[in-house]
N, C-alpha and C. Protein backbone atom coordinates (compact mmCIF):
# COMPACT_ATOMS: atom_id res chain seq x y z
N MET A 1 -176.09 73.44 54.19
CA MET A 1 -175.01 72.52 54.49
C MET A 1 -175.07 71.31 53.56
N VAL A 2 -176.23 70.73 53.39
CA VAL A 2 -176.39 69.58 52.51
C VAL A 2 -176.09 69.98 51.07
N LEU A 3 -176.54 71.15 50.67
CA LEU A 3 -176.30 71.64 49.31
C LEU A 3 -174.81 71.75 49.02
N SER A 4 -174.02 72.26 49.96
CA SER A 4 -172.58 72.39 49.73
C SER A 4 -171.91 71.02 49.58
N VAL A 5 -172.39 70.02 50.32
CA VAL A 5 -171.85 68.67 50.20
C VAL A 5 -172.19 68.10 48.83
N LEU A 6 -173.43 68.29 48.38
CA LEU A 6 -173.85 67.81 47.06
C LEU A 6 -173.07 68.51 45.95
N THR A 7 -172.86 69.80 46.09
CA THR A 7 -172.11 70.54 45.08
C THR A 7 -170.67 70.05 45.01
N ALA A 8 -170.05 69.83 46.16
CA ALA A 8 -168.67 69.35 46.17
C ALA A 8 -168.56 67.98 45.52
N CYS A 9 -169.56 67.11 45.76
CA CYS A 9 -169.54 65.78 45.16
C CYS A 9 -169.72 65.85 43.65
N GLY A 10 -170.46 66.85 43.17
CA GLY A 10 -170.74 66.98 41.74
C GLY A 10 -169.55 67.48 40.94
N THR A 11 -168.49 67.91 41.60
CA THR A 11 -167.35 68.48 40.88
C THR A 11 -166.23 67.46 40.66
N LYS A 12 -166.47 66.21 40.95
CA LYS A 12 -165.45 65.17 40.76
C LYS A 12 -165.08 65.08 39.28
N LYS A 13 -163.82 65.12 38.99
CA LYS A 13 -163.33 65.08 37.61
C LYS A 13 -162.97 63.66 37.21
N SER A 14 -163.06 63.38 35.92
CA SER A 14 -162.72 62.06 35.39
C SER A 14 -161.22 61.80 35.49
N ASP A 15 -160.85 60.54 35.39
CA ASP A 15 -159.43 60.18 35.38
C ASP A 15 -158.73 60.77 34.15
N PHE A 16 -159.44 60.86 33.02
CA PHE A 16 -158.87 61.48 31.82
C PHE A 16 -158.50 62.94 32.10
N PHE A 17 -159.44 63.68 32.71
CA PHE A 17 -159.19 65.08 33.05
C PHE A 17 -157.98 65.20 33.97
N LYS A 18 -157.96 64.36 35.00
CA LYS A 18 -156.86 64.42 35.98
C LYS A 18 -155.51 64.13 35.33
N ALA A 19 -155.47 63.16 34.42
CA ALA A 19 -154.20 62.81 33.76
C ALA A 19 -153.71 63.97 32.89
N ILE A 20 -154.61 64.58 32.16
CA ILE A 20 -154.21 65.66 31.24
C ILE A 20 -153.86 66.93 32.01
N ASN A 21 -154.68 67.31 32.97
CA ASN A 21 -154.45 68.55 33.72
C ASN A 21 -153.30 68.40 34.72
N LYS A 22 -153.11 67.22 35.23
CA LYS A 22 -152.03 66.83 36.14
C LYS A 22 -152.17 67.45 37.53
N THR A 23 -152.34 68.73 37.62
CA THR A 23 -152.50 69.43 38.89
C THR A 23 -153.31 70.68 38.65
N GLU A 24 -153.95 71.18 39.69
CA GLU A 24 -154.74 72.40 39.51
C GLU A 24 -153.92 73.64 39.83
N LYS A 25 -152.61 73.49 39.91
CA LYS A 25 -151.72 74.63 40.11
C LYS A 25 -151.35 75.22 38.76
N GLU A 26 -151.17 76.52 38.72
CA GLU A 26 -150.79 77.25 37.51
C GLU A 26 -151.86 77.12 36.42
N GLN A 27 -151.50 77.34 35.15
CA GLN A 27 -152.50 77.34 34.09
C GLN A 27 -152.86 75.93 33.62
N ILE A 28 -151.91 75.03 33.59
CA ILE A 28 -152.17 73.62 33.29
C ILE A 28 -150.90 72.83 33.60
N ARG A 29 -151.08 71.62 34.13
CA ARG A 29 -149.98 70.69 34.40
C ARG A 29 -148.92 71.27 35.34
N GLY A 30 -149.25 72.28 36.13
CA GLY A 30 -148.29 72.89 37.03
C GLY A 30 -147.36 73.86 36.35
N VAL A 31 -147.74 74.27 35.13
CA VAL A 31 -146.90 75.16 34.32
C VAL A 31 -147.69 76.42 33.96
N GLU A 32 -146.97 77.51 33.83
CA GLU A 32 -147.59 78.78 33.47
C GLU A 32 -146.75 79.48 32.41
N ILE A 33 -147.42 80.22 31.56
CA ILE A 33 -146.72 81.02 30.55
C ILE A 33 -145.71 81.92 31.26
N GLY A 34 -144.49 81.96 30.70
CA GLY A 34 -143.43 82.75 31.28
C GLY A 34 -142.41 81.91 32.05
N ALA A 35 -142.74 80.65 32.30
CA ALA A 35 -141.81 79.77 33.01
C ALA A 35 -140.58 79.49 32.15
N ASP A 36 -139.50 79.07 32.78
CA ASP A 36 -138.30 78.72 32.00
C ASP A 36 -138.28 77.22 31.70
N LEU A 37 -137.37 76.83 30.82
CA LEU A 37 -137.25 75.45 30.37
C LEU A 37 -137.05 74.48 31.54
N LYS A 38 -136.19 74.84 32.47
CA LYS A 38 -135.89 73.98 33.62
C LYS A 38 -137.15 73.71 34.46
N THR A 39 -137.95 74.73 34.68
CA THR A 39 -139.19 74.60 35.44
C THR A 39 -140.15 73.65 34.75
N VAL A 40 -140.30 73.81 33.44
CA VAL A 40 -141.21 72.96 32.67
C VAL A 40 -140.74 71.51 32.71
N LYS A 41 -139.46 71.29 32.46
CA LYS A 41 -138.93 69.92 32.47
C LYS A 41 -139.10 69.25 33.84
N ALA A 42 -139.07 70.03 34.89
CA ALA A 42 -139.19 69.48 36.24
C ALA A 42 -140.59 68.92 36.52
N VAL A 43 -141.61 69.43 35.85
CA VAL A 43 -142.97 68.95 36.12
C VAL A 43 -143.40 67.83 35.17
N GLU A 44 -142.67 67.62 34.09
CA GLU A 44 -143.03 66.57 33.14
C GLU A 44 -142.18 65.32 33.39
N ASP A 45 -142.65 64.19 32.86
CA ASP A 45 -141.96 62.92 33.00
C ASP A 45 -141.03 62.73 31.79
N ASN A 46 -139.75 62.70 32.05
CA ASN A 46 -138.73 62.60 30.99
C ASN A 46 -138.89 61.33 30.15
N THR A 47 -139.52 60.30 30.70
CA THR A 47 -139.74 59.05 29.98
C THR A 47 -140.55 59.28 28.69
N PHE A 48 -141.43 60.27 28.72
CA PHE A 48 -142.34 60.52 27.60
C PHE A 48 -141.88 61.66 26.70
N LEU A 49 -140.67 62.15 26.92
CA LEU A 49 -140.11 63.23 26.12
C LEU A 49 -139.74 62.70 24.73
N ILE A 50 -140.30 63.28 23.70
CA ILE A 50 -140.08 62.87 22.31
C ILE A 50 -139.08 63.79 21.62
N ASP A 51 -139.18 65.09 21.88
CA ASP A 51 -138.31 66.07 21.24
C ASP A 51 -137.87 67.09 22.28
N ASP A 52 -136.56 67.29 22.39
CA ASP A 52 -135.99 68.17 23.39
C ASP A 52 -135.06 69.16 22.69
N GLN A 53 -135.57 70.35 22.44
CA GLN A 53 -134.81 71.43 21.80
C GLN A 53 -134.78 72.62 22.75
N PRO A 54 -133.82 73.52 22.60
CA PRO A 54 -133.76 74.68 23.49
C PRO A 54 -135.03 75.55 23.43
N GLN A 55 -135.75 75.49 22.28
CA GLN A 55 -136.94 76.32 22.13
C GLN A 55 -138.23 75.52 22.03
N TYR A 56 -138.15 74.19 22.25
CA TYR A 56 -139.32 73.34 22.03
C TYR A 56 -139.21 72.02 22.79
N LEU A 57 -140.27 71.66 23.48
CA LEU A 57 -140.36 70.35 24.14
C LEU A 57 -141.64 69.67 23.68
N HIS A 58 -141.55 68.35 23.43
CA HIS A 58 -142.72 67.58 22.98
C HIS A 58 -142.78 66.28 23.78
N TYR A 59 -143.94 66.05 24.41
CA TYR A 59 -144.17 64.84 25.18
C TYR A 59 -145.37 64.09 24.61
N ASP A 60 -145.30 62.76 24.57
CA ASP A 60 -146.43 61.89 24.18
C ASP A 60 -146.78 60.99 25.36
N TYR A 61 -148.03 61.06 25.80
CA TYR A 61 -148.49 60.26 26.93
C TYR A 61 -149.64 59.34 26.53
N ASP A 62 -149.63 58.12 27.02
CA ASP A 62 -150.77 57.21 26.89
C ASP A 62 -151.58 57.32 28.18
N ILE A 63 -152.90 57.38 28.03
CA ILE A 63 -153.77 57.38 29.20
C ILE A 63 -154.24 55.95 29.46
N SER A 64 -154.75 55.34 28.41
CA SER A 64 -155.20 53.96 28.46
C SER A 64 -155.28 53.48 27.01
N MET A 65 -155.63 52.22 26.81
CA MET A 65 -155.68 51.65 25.47
C MET A 65 -156.50 52.54 24.52
N GLY A 66 -155.85 53.07 23.49
CA GLY A 66 -156.55 53.88 22.50
C GLY A 66 -156.77 55.32 22.88
N ASN A 67 -156.29 55.74 24.05
CA ASN A 67 -156.49 57.11 24.53
C ASN A 67 -155.13 57.70 24.90
N SER A 68 -154.81 58.85 24.32
CA SER A 68 -153.50 59.45 24.56
C SER A 68 -153.58 60.97 24.41
N TYR A 69 -152.48 61.63 24.73
CA TYR A 69 -152.40 63.07 24.50
C TYR A 69 -150.95 63.48 24.31
N THR A 70 -150.77 64.59 23.62
CA THR A 70 -149.44 65.17 23.45
C THR A 70 -149.42 66.53 24.14
N VAL A 71 -148.25 66.89 24.62
CA VAL A 71 -148.05 68.20 25.23
C VAL A 71 -146.82 68.81 24.57
N THR A 72 -146.97 70.01 24.03
CA THR A 72 -145.82 70.71 23.47
C THR A 72 -145.68 72.07 24.15
N TYR A 73 -144.43 72.46 24.31
CA TYR A 73 -144.09 73.74 24.93
C TYR A 73 -143.17 74.49 23.98
N ASP A 74 -143.49 75.75 23.71
CA ASP A 74 -142.66 76.60 22.86
C ASP A 74 -142.06 77.73 23.69
N PHE A 75 -140.77 77.96 23.48
CA PHE A 75 -140.03 78.98 24.24
C PHE A 75 -139.45 80.02 23.29
N TYR A 76 -139.34 81.23 23.78
CA TYR A 76 -138.65 82.30 23.06
C TYR A 76 -137.76 83.00 24.08
N GLU A 77 -136.47 83.07 23.76
CA GLU A 77 -135.50 83.67 24.69
C GLU A 77 -135.63 83.04 26.08
N LYS A 78 -135.71 81.69 26.11
CA LYS A 78 -135.76 80.88 27.32
C LYS A 78 -137.02 81.07 28.17
N GLU A 79 -138.07 81.65 27.58
CA GLU A 79 -139.31 81.90 28.30
C GLU A 79 -140.47 81.21 27.57
N LEU A 80 -141.27 80.45 28.30
CA LEU A 80 -142.41 79.74 27.73
C LEU A 80 -143.45 80.74 27.25
N TYR A 81 -143.83 80.63 25.96
CA TYR A 81 -144.87 81.51 25.44
C TYR A 81 -146.08 80.76 24.91
N GLU A 82 -146.00 79.41 24.74
CA GLU A 82 -147.16 78.67 24.28
C GLU A 82 -147.12 77.23 24.79
N ILE A 83 -148.29 76.75 25.21
CA ILE A 83 -148.50 75.36 25.60
C ILE A 83 -149.62 74.83 24.72
N GLU A 84 -149.43 73.65 24.15
CA GLU A 84 -150.51 73.03 23.39
C GLU A 84 -150.67 71.58 23.82
N ILE A 85 -151.90 71.23 24.11
CA ILE A 85 -152.24 69.84 24.46
C ILE A 85 -153.27 69.36 23.46
N ALA A 86 -152.97 68.25 22.80
CA ALA A 86 -153.92 67.61 21.89
C ALA A 86 -154.25 66.25 22.49
N ALA A 87 -155.54 65.97 22.67
CA ALA A 87 -155.98 64.72 23.28
C ALA A 87 -156.75 63.87 22.28
N TYR A 88 -156.45 62.57 22.26
CA TYR A 88 -157.03 61.63 21.30
C TYR A 88 -157.71 60.49 22.05
N PHE A 89 -158.96 60.20 21.66
CA PHE A 89 -159.75 59.17 22.33
C PHE A 89 -160.38 58.24 21.32
N ASP A 90 -160.54 56.97 21.71
CA ASP A 90 -161.27 56.02 20.88
C ASP A 90 -162.71 56.47 20.68
N LEU A 91 -163.31 56.96 21.75
CA LEU A 91 -164.73 57.33 21.72
C LEU A 91 -164.90 58.85 21.71
N GLU A 92 -165.70 59.33 20.77
CA GLU A 92 -165.99 60.76 20.70
C GLU A 92 -166.62 61.26 22.00
N GLU A 93 -167.46 60.42 22.62
CA GLU A 93 -168.13 60.81 23.86
C GLU A 93 -167.12 61.14 24.97
N ASP A 94 -166.02 60.38 25.02
CA ASP A 94 -165.00 60.66 26.04
C ASP A 94 -164.36 62.02 25.81
N ALA A 95 -164.05 62.32 24.56
CA ALA A 95 -163.45 63.62 24.25
C ALA A 95 -164.41 64.76 24.60
N LYS A 96 -165.67 64.59 24.27
CA LYS A 96 -166.66 65.62 24.57
C LYS A 96 -166.80 65.83 26.07
N LYS A 97 -166.82 64.72 26.82
CA LYS A 97 -166.96 64.81 28.28
C LYS A 97 -165.76 65.53 28.90
N VAL A 98 -164.55 65.15 28.48
CA VAL A 98 -163.35 65.75 29.07
C VAL A 98 -163.22 67.21 28.64
N ALA A 99 -163.54 67.52 27.40
CA ALA A 99 -163.52 68.92 26.94
C ALA A 99 -164.51 69.74 27.77
N GLN A 100 -165.67 69.19 28.08
CA GLN A 100 -166.64 69.89 28.92
C GLN A 100 -166.10 70.09 30.33
N GLU A 101 -165.39 69.11 30.85
CA GLU A 101 -164.78 69.26 32.17
C GLU A 101 -163.76 70.41 32.17
N PHE A 102 -162.96 70.51 31.10
CA PHE A 102 -162.01 71.62 31.00
C PHE A 102 -162.73 72.95 30.85
N THR A 103 -163.82 72.97 30.10
CA THR A 103 -164.61 74.19 29.96
C THR A 103 -165.10 74.66 31.32
N GLU A 104 -165.66 73.76 32.11
CA GLU A 104 -166.13 74.11 33.45
C GLU A 104 -164.98 74.55 34.35
N TYR A 105 -163.87 73.85 34.25
CA TYR A 105 -162.68 74.18 35.05
C TYR A 105 -162.20 75.60 34.73
N TYR A 106 -162.09 75.92 33.45
CA TYR A 106 -161.63 77.26 33.07
C TYR A 106 -162.67 78.33 33.37
N ASN A 107 -163.96 78.01 33.23
CA ASN A 107 -165.00 78.96 33.63
C ASN A 107 -164.86 79.29 35.11
N ASP A 108 -164.63 78.27 35.93
CA ASP A 108 -164.47 78.49 37.37
C ASP A 108 -163.23 79.32 37.69
N ASN A 109 -162.16 79.12 36.93
CA ASN A 109 -160.90 79.81 37.21
C ASN A 109 -160.76 81.18 36.54
N TYR A 110 -161.32 81.33 35.34
CA TYR A 110 -161.09 82.56 34.57
C TYR A 110 -162.36 83.31 34.21
N GLY A 111 -163.51 82.83 34.66
CA GLY A 111 -164.77 83.53 34.39
C GLY A 111 -165.40 83.10 33.07
N LYS A 112 -166.34 83.90 32.64
CA LYS A 112 -167.12 83.58 31.44
C LYS A 112 -166.23 83.44 30.21
N ASN A 113 -166.55 82.44 29.42
CA ASN A 113 -165.78 82.21 28.20
C ASN A 113 -166.41 82.94 27.01
N LYS A 114 -165.68 82.93 25.91
CA LYS A 114 -166.16 83.52 24.67
C LYS A 114 -165.99 82.50 23.56
N LEU A 115 -167.03 82.29 22.75
CA LEU A 115 -166.94 81.40 21.61
C LEU A 115 -166.46 82.21 20.41
N GLU A 116 -165.31 81.84 19.88
CA GLU A 116 -164.72 82.56 18.74
C GLU A 116 -165.27 82.01 17.42
N GLN A 117 -165.09 82.76 16.33
CA GLN A 117 -165.59 82.35 15.02
C GLN A 117 -164.94 81.06 14.52
N ASP A 118 -163.72 80.78 14.95
CA ASP A 118 -163.03 79.57 14.50
C ASP A 118 -163.42 78.32 15.30
N GLY A 119 -164.39 78.47 16.22
CA GLY A 119 -164.86 77.34 17.00
C GLY A 119 -164.17 77.14 18.33
N PHE A 120 -163.12 77.91 18.60
CA PHE A 120 -162.44 77.82 19.89
C PHE A 120 -163.24 78.57 20.95
N THR A 121 -163.26 78.01 22.15
CA THR A 121 -163.79 78.69 23.32
C THR A 121 -162.58 79.28 24.03
N THR A 122 -162.63 80.58 24.37
CA THR A 122 -161.45 81.24 24.93
C THR A 122 -161.74 81.90 26.28
N TRP A 123 -160.67 82.03 27.06
CA TRP A 123 -160.69 82.73 28.33
C TRP A 123 -159.44 83.61 28.38
N LYS A 124 -159.52 84.70 29.11
CA LYS A 124 -158.37 85.59 29.30
C LYS A 124 -157.89 85.50 30.74
N THR A 125 -156.57 85.55 30.89
CA THR A 125 -155.95 85.57 32.21
C THR A 125 -154.63 86.34 32.08
N THR A 126 -153.81 86.28 33.11
CA THR A 126 -152.53 86.97 33.11
C THR A 126 -151.46 86.03 33.66
N SER A 127 -150.27 86.10 33.10
CA SER A 127 -149.15 85.31 33.62
C SER A 127 -148.63 85.97 34.89
N SER A 128 -148.47 85.17 35.95
CA SER A 128 -147.91 85.73 37.18
C SER A 128 -146.40 85.96 37.03
N PHE A 129 -145.78 85.30 36.03
CA PHE A 129 -144.35 85.50 35.78
C PHE A 129 -144.11 86.82 35.04
N THR A 130 -144.79 86.97 33.90
CA THR A 130 -144.51 88.10 33.02
C THR A 130 -145.46 89.27 33.20
N LYS A 131 -146.59 89.01 33.87
CA LYS A 131 -147.66 90.01 34.04
C LYS A 131 -148.31 90.39 32.70
N LYS A 132 -148.05 89.60 31.67
CA LYS A 132 -148.63 89.85 30.35
C LYS A 132 -149.94 89.08 30.20
N PRO A 133 -150.82 89.55 29.30
CA PRO A 133 -152.08 88.84 29.08
C PRO A 133 -151.86 87.49 28.40
N VAL A 134 -152.69 86.52 28.80
CA VAL A 134 -152.61 85.16 28.28
C VAL A 134 -154.02 84.74 27.86
N GLU A 135 -154.08 83.97 26.78
CA GLU A 135 -155.36 83.42 26.34
C GLU A 135 -155.31 81.90 26.47
N VAL A 136 -156.39 81.33 26.98
CA VAL A 136 -156.59 79.89 27.02
C VAL A 136 -157.66 79.60 25.97
N ALA A 137 -157.38 78.69 25.05
CA ALA A 137 -158.32 78.36 23.97
C ALA A 137 -158.53 76.85 23.93
N LEU A 138 -159.78 76.44 23.81
CA LEU A 138 -160.12 75.01 23.77
C LEU A 138 -161.08 74.76 22.62
N LYS A 139 -160.84 73.66 21.91
CA LYS A 139 -161.75 73.28 20.83
C LYS A 139 -161.92 71.77 20.83
N GLU A 140 -163.17 71.33 20.96
CA GLU A 140 -163.50 69.91 20.83
C GLU A 140 -163.87 69.72 19.36
N ASP A 141 -163.15 68.84 18.66
CA ASP A 141 -163.27 68.75 17.21
C ASP A 141 -163.35 67.29 16.74
N SER A 142 -164.06 66.46 17.50
CA SER A 142 -164.15 65.03 17.20
C SER A 142 -164.80 64.75 15.85
N GLU A 143 -165.87 65.44 15.55
CA GLU A 143 -166.60 65.16 14.30
C GLU A 143 -165.71 65.34 13.07
N ARG A 144 -164.92 66.37 13.07
CA ARG A 144 -164.04 66.63 11.92
C ARG A 144 -162.94 65.57 11.79
N HIS A 145 -162.48 65.04 12.93
CA HIS A 145 -161.39 64.07 12.92
C HIS A 145 -161.86 62.62 12.78
N GLY A 146 -163.11 62.34 13.13
CA GLY A 146 -163.61 60.97 13.04
C GLY A 146 -163.26 60.10 14.24
N TYR A 147 -162.74 60.69 15.28
CA TYR A 147 -162.44 60.02 16.54
C TYR A 147 -162.47 61.10 17.62
N GLY A 148 -162.42 60.70 18.87
CA GLY A 148 -162.45 61.67 19.95
C GLY A 148 -161.20 62.55 19.94
N TYR A 149 -161.40 63.88 19.90
CA TYR A 149 -160.26 64.80 19.81
C TYR A 149 -160.63 66.16 20.38
N PHE A 150 -159.72 66.73 21.16
CA PHE A 150 -159.82 68.15 21.49
C PHE A 150 -158.41 68.70 21.68
N VAL A 151 -158.31 70.01 21.58
CA VAL A 151 -157.03 70.69 21.73
C VAL A 151 -157.20 71.85 22.70
N ILE A 152 -156.18 72.07 23.51
CA ILE A 152 -156.10 73.22 24.41
C ILE A 152 -154.82 73.97 24.04
N LYS A 153 -154.95 75.27 23.81
CA LYS A 153 -153.79 76.11 23.54
C LYS A 153 -153.77 77.23 24.57
N ILE A 154 -152.62 77.43 25.17
CA ILE A 154 -152.45 78.51 26.14
C ILE A 154 -151.26 79.32 25.66
N TYR A 155 -151.46 80.60 25.43
CA TYR A 155 -150.39 81.40 24.83
C TYR A 155 -150.45 82.85 25.26
N GLU A 156 -149.29 83.46 25.18
CA GLU A 156 -149.15 84.86 25.50
C GLU A 156 -149.76 85.69 24.39
N LEU A 157 -150.55 86.68 24.75
CA LEU A 157 -151.17 87.58 23.78
C LEU A 157 -150.25 88.75 23.49
N GLU A 158 -150.31 89.22 22.26
CA GLU A 158 -149.57 90.43 21.90
C GLU A 158 -150.23 91.62 22.60
N GLU A 159 -149.42 92.50 23.14
CA GLU A 159 -149.99 93.68 23.82
C GLU A 159 -150.20 94.81 22.87
């Protein structure tokens, strides 16, 4: 009983993680591959919409001073096929911590990850909309950028 309480307390996520993930529903931010444009727009804040095209949405969000992220959605024939989130931090340590939180989150949701040759950590899942395979890919790349940075890509896989 005590162990379960300690374990639950140890899973508290940072405010950065909560802001970027938004909700633990669907694959990220309450959105899943295969959703339509209207569904995606309903979960995002229109105030932060930078580019609104029939096949592309781009949002820029500030988390706090010097810390921000972008979210882009790509559609084909009115169906979401790719989500990309790029997060920028003043401190590399913050990016590493939040990327690790996402790694743990996806391990819990999609099982063991795989480290790819390009440095991305990937997980496989399936879209509940399309029933097609989906890949979640994450790469923490602060050292190359010179500031805190990671990217998450979620996309439909070719069958």
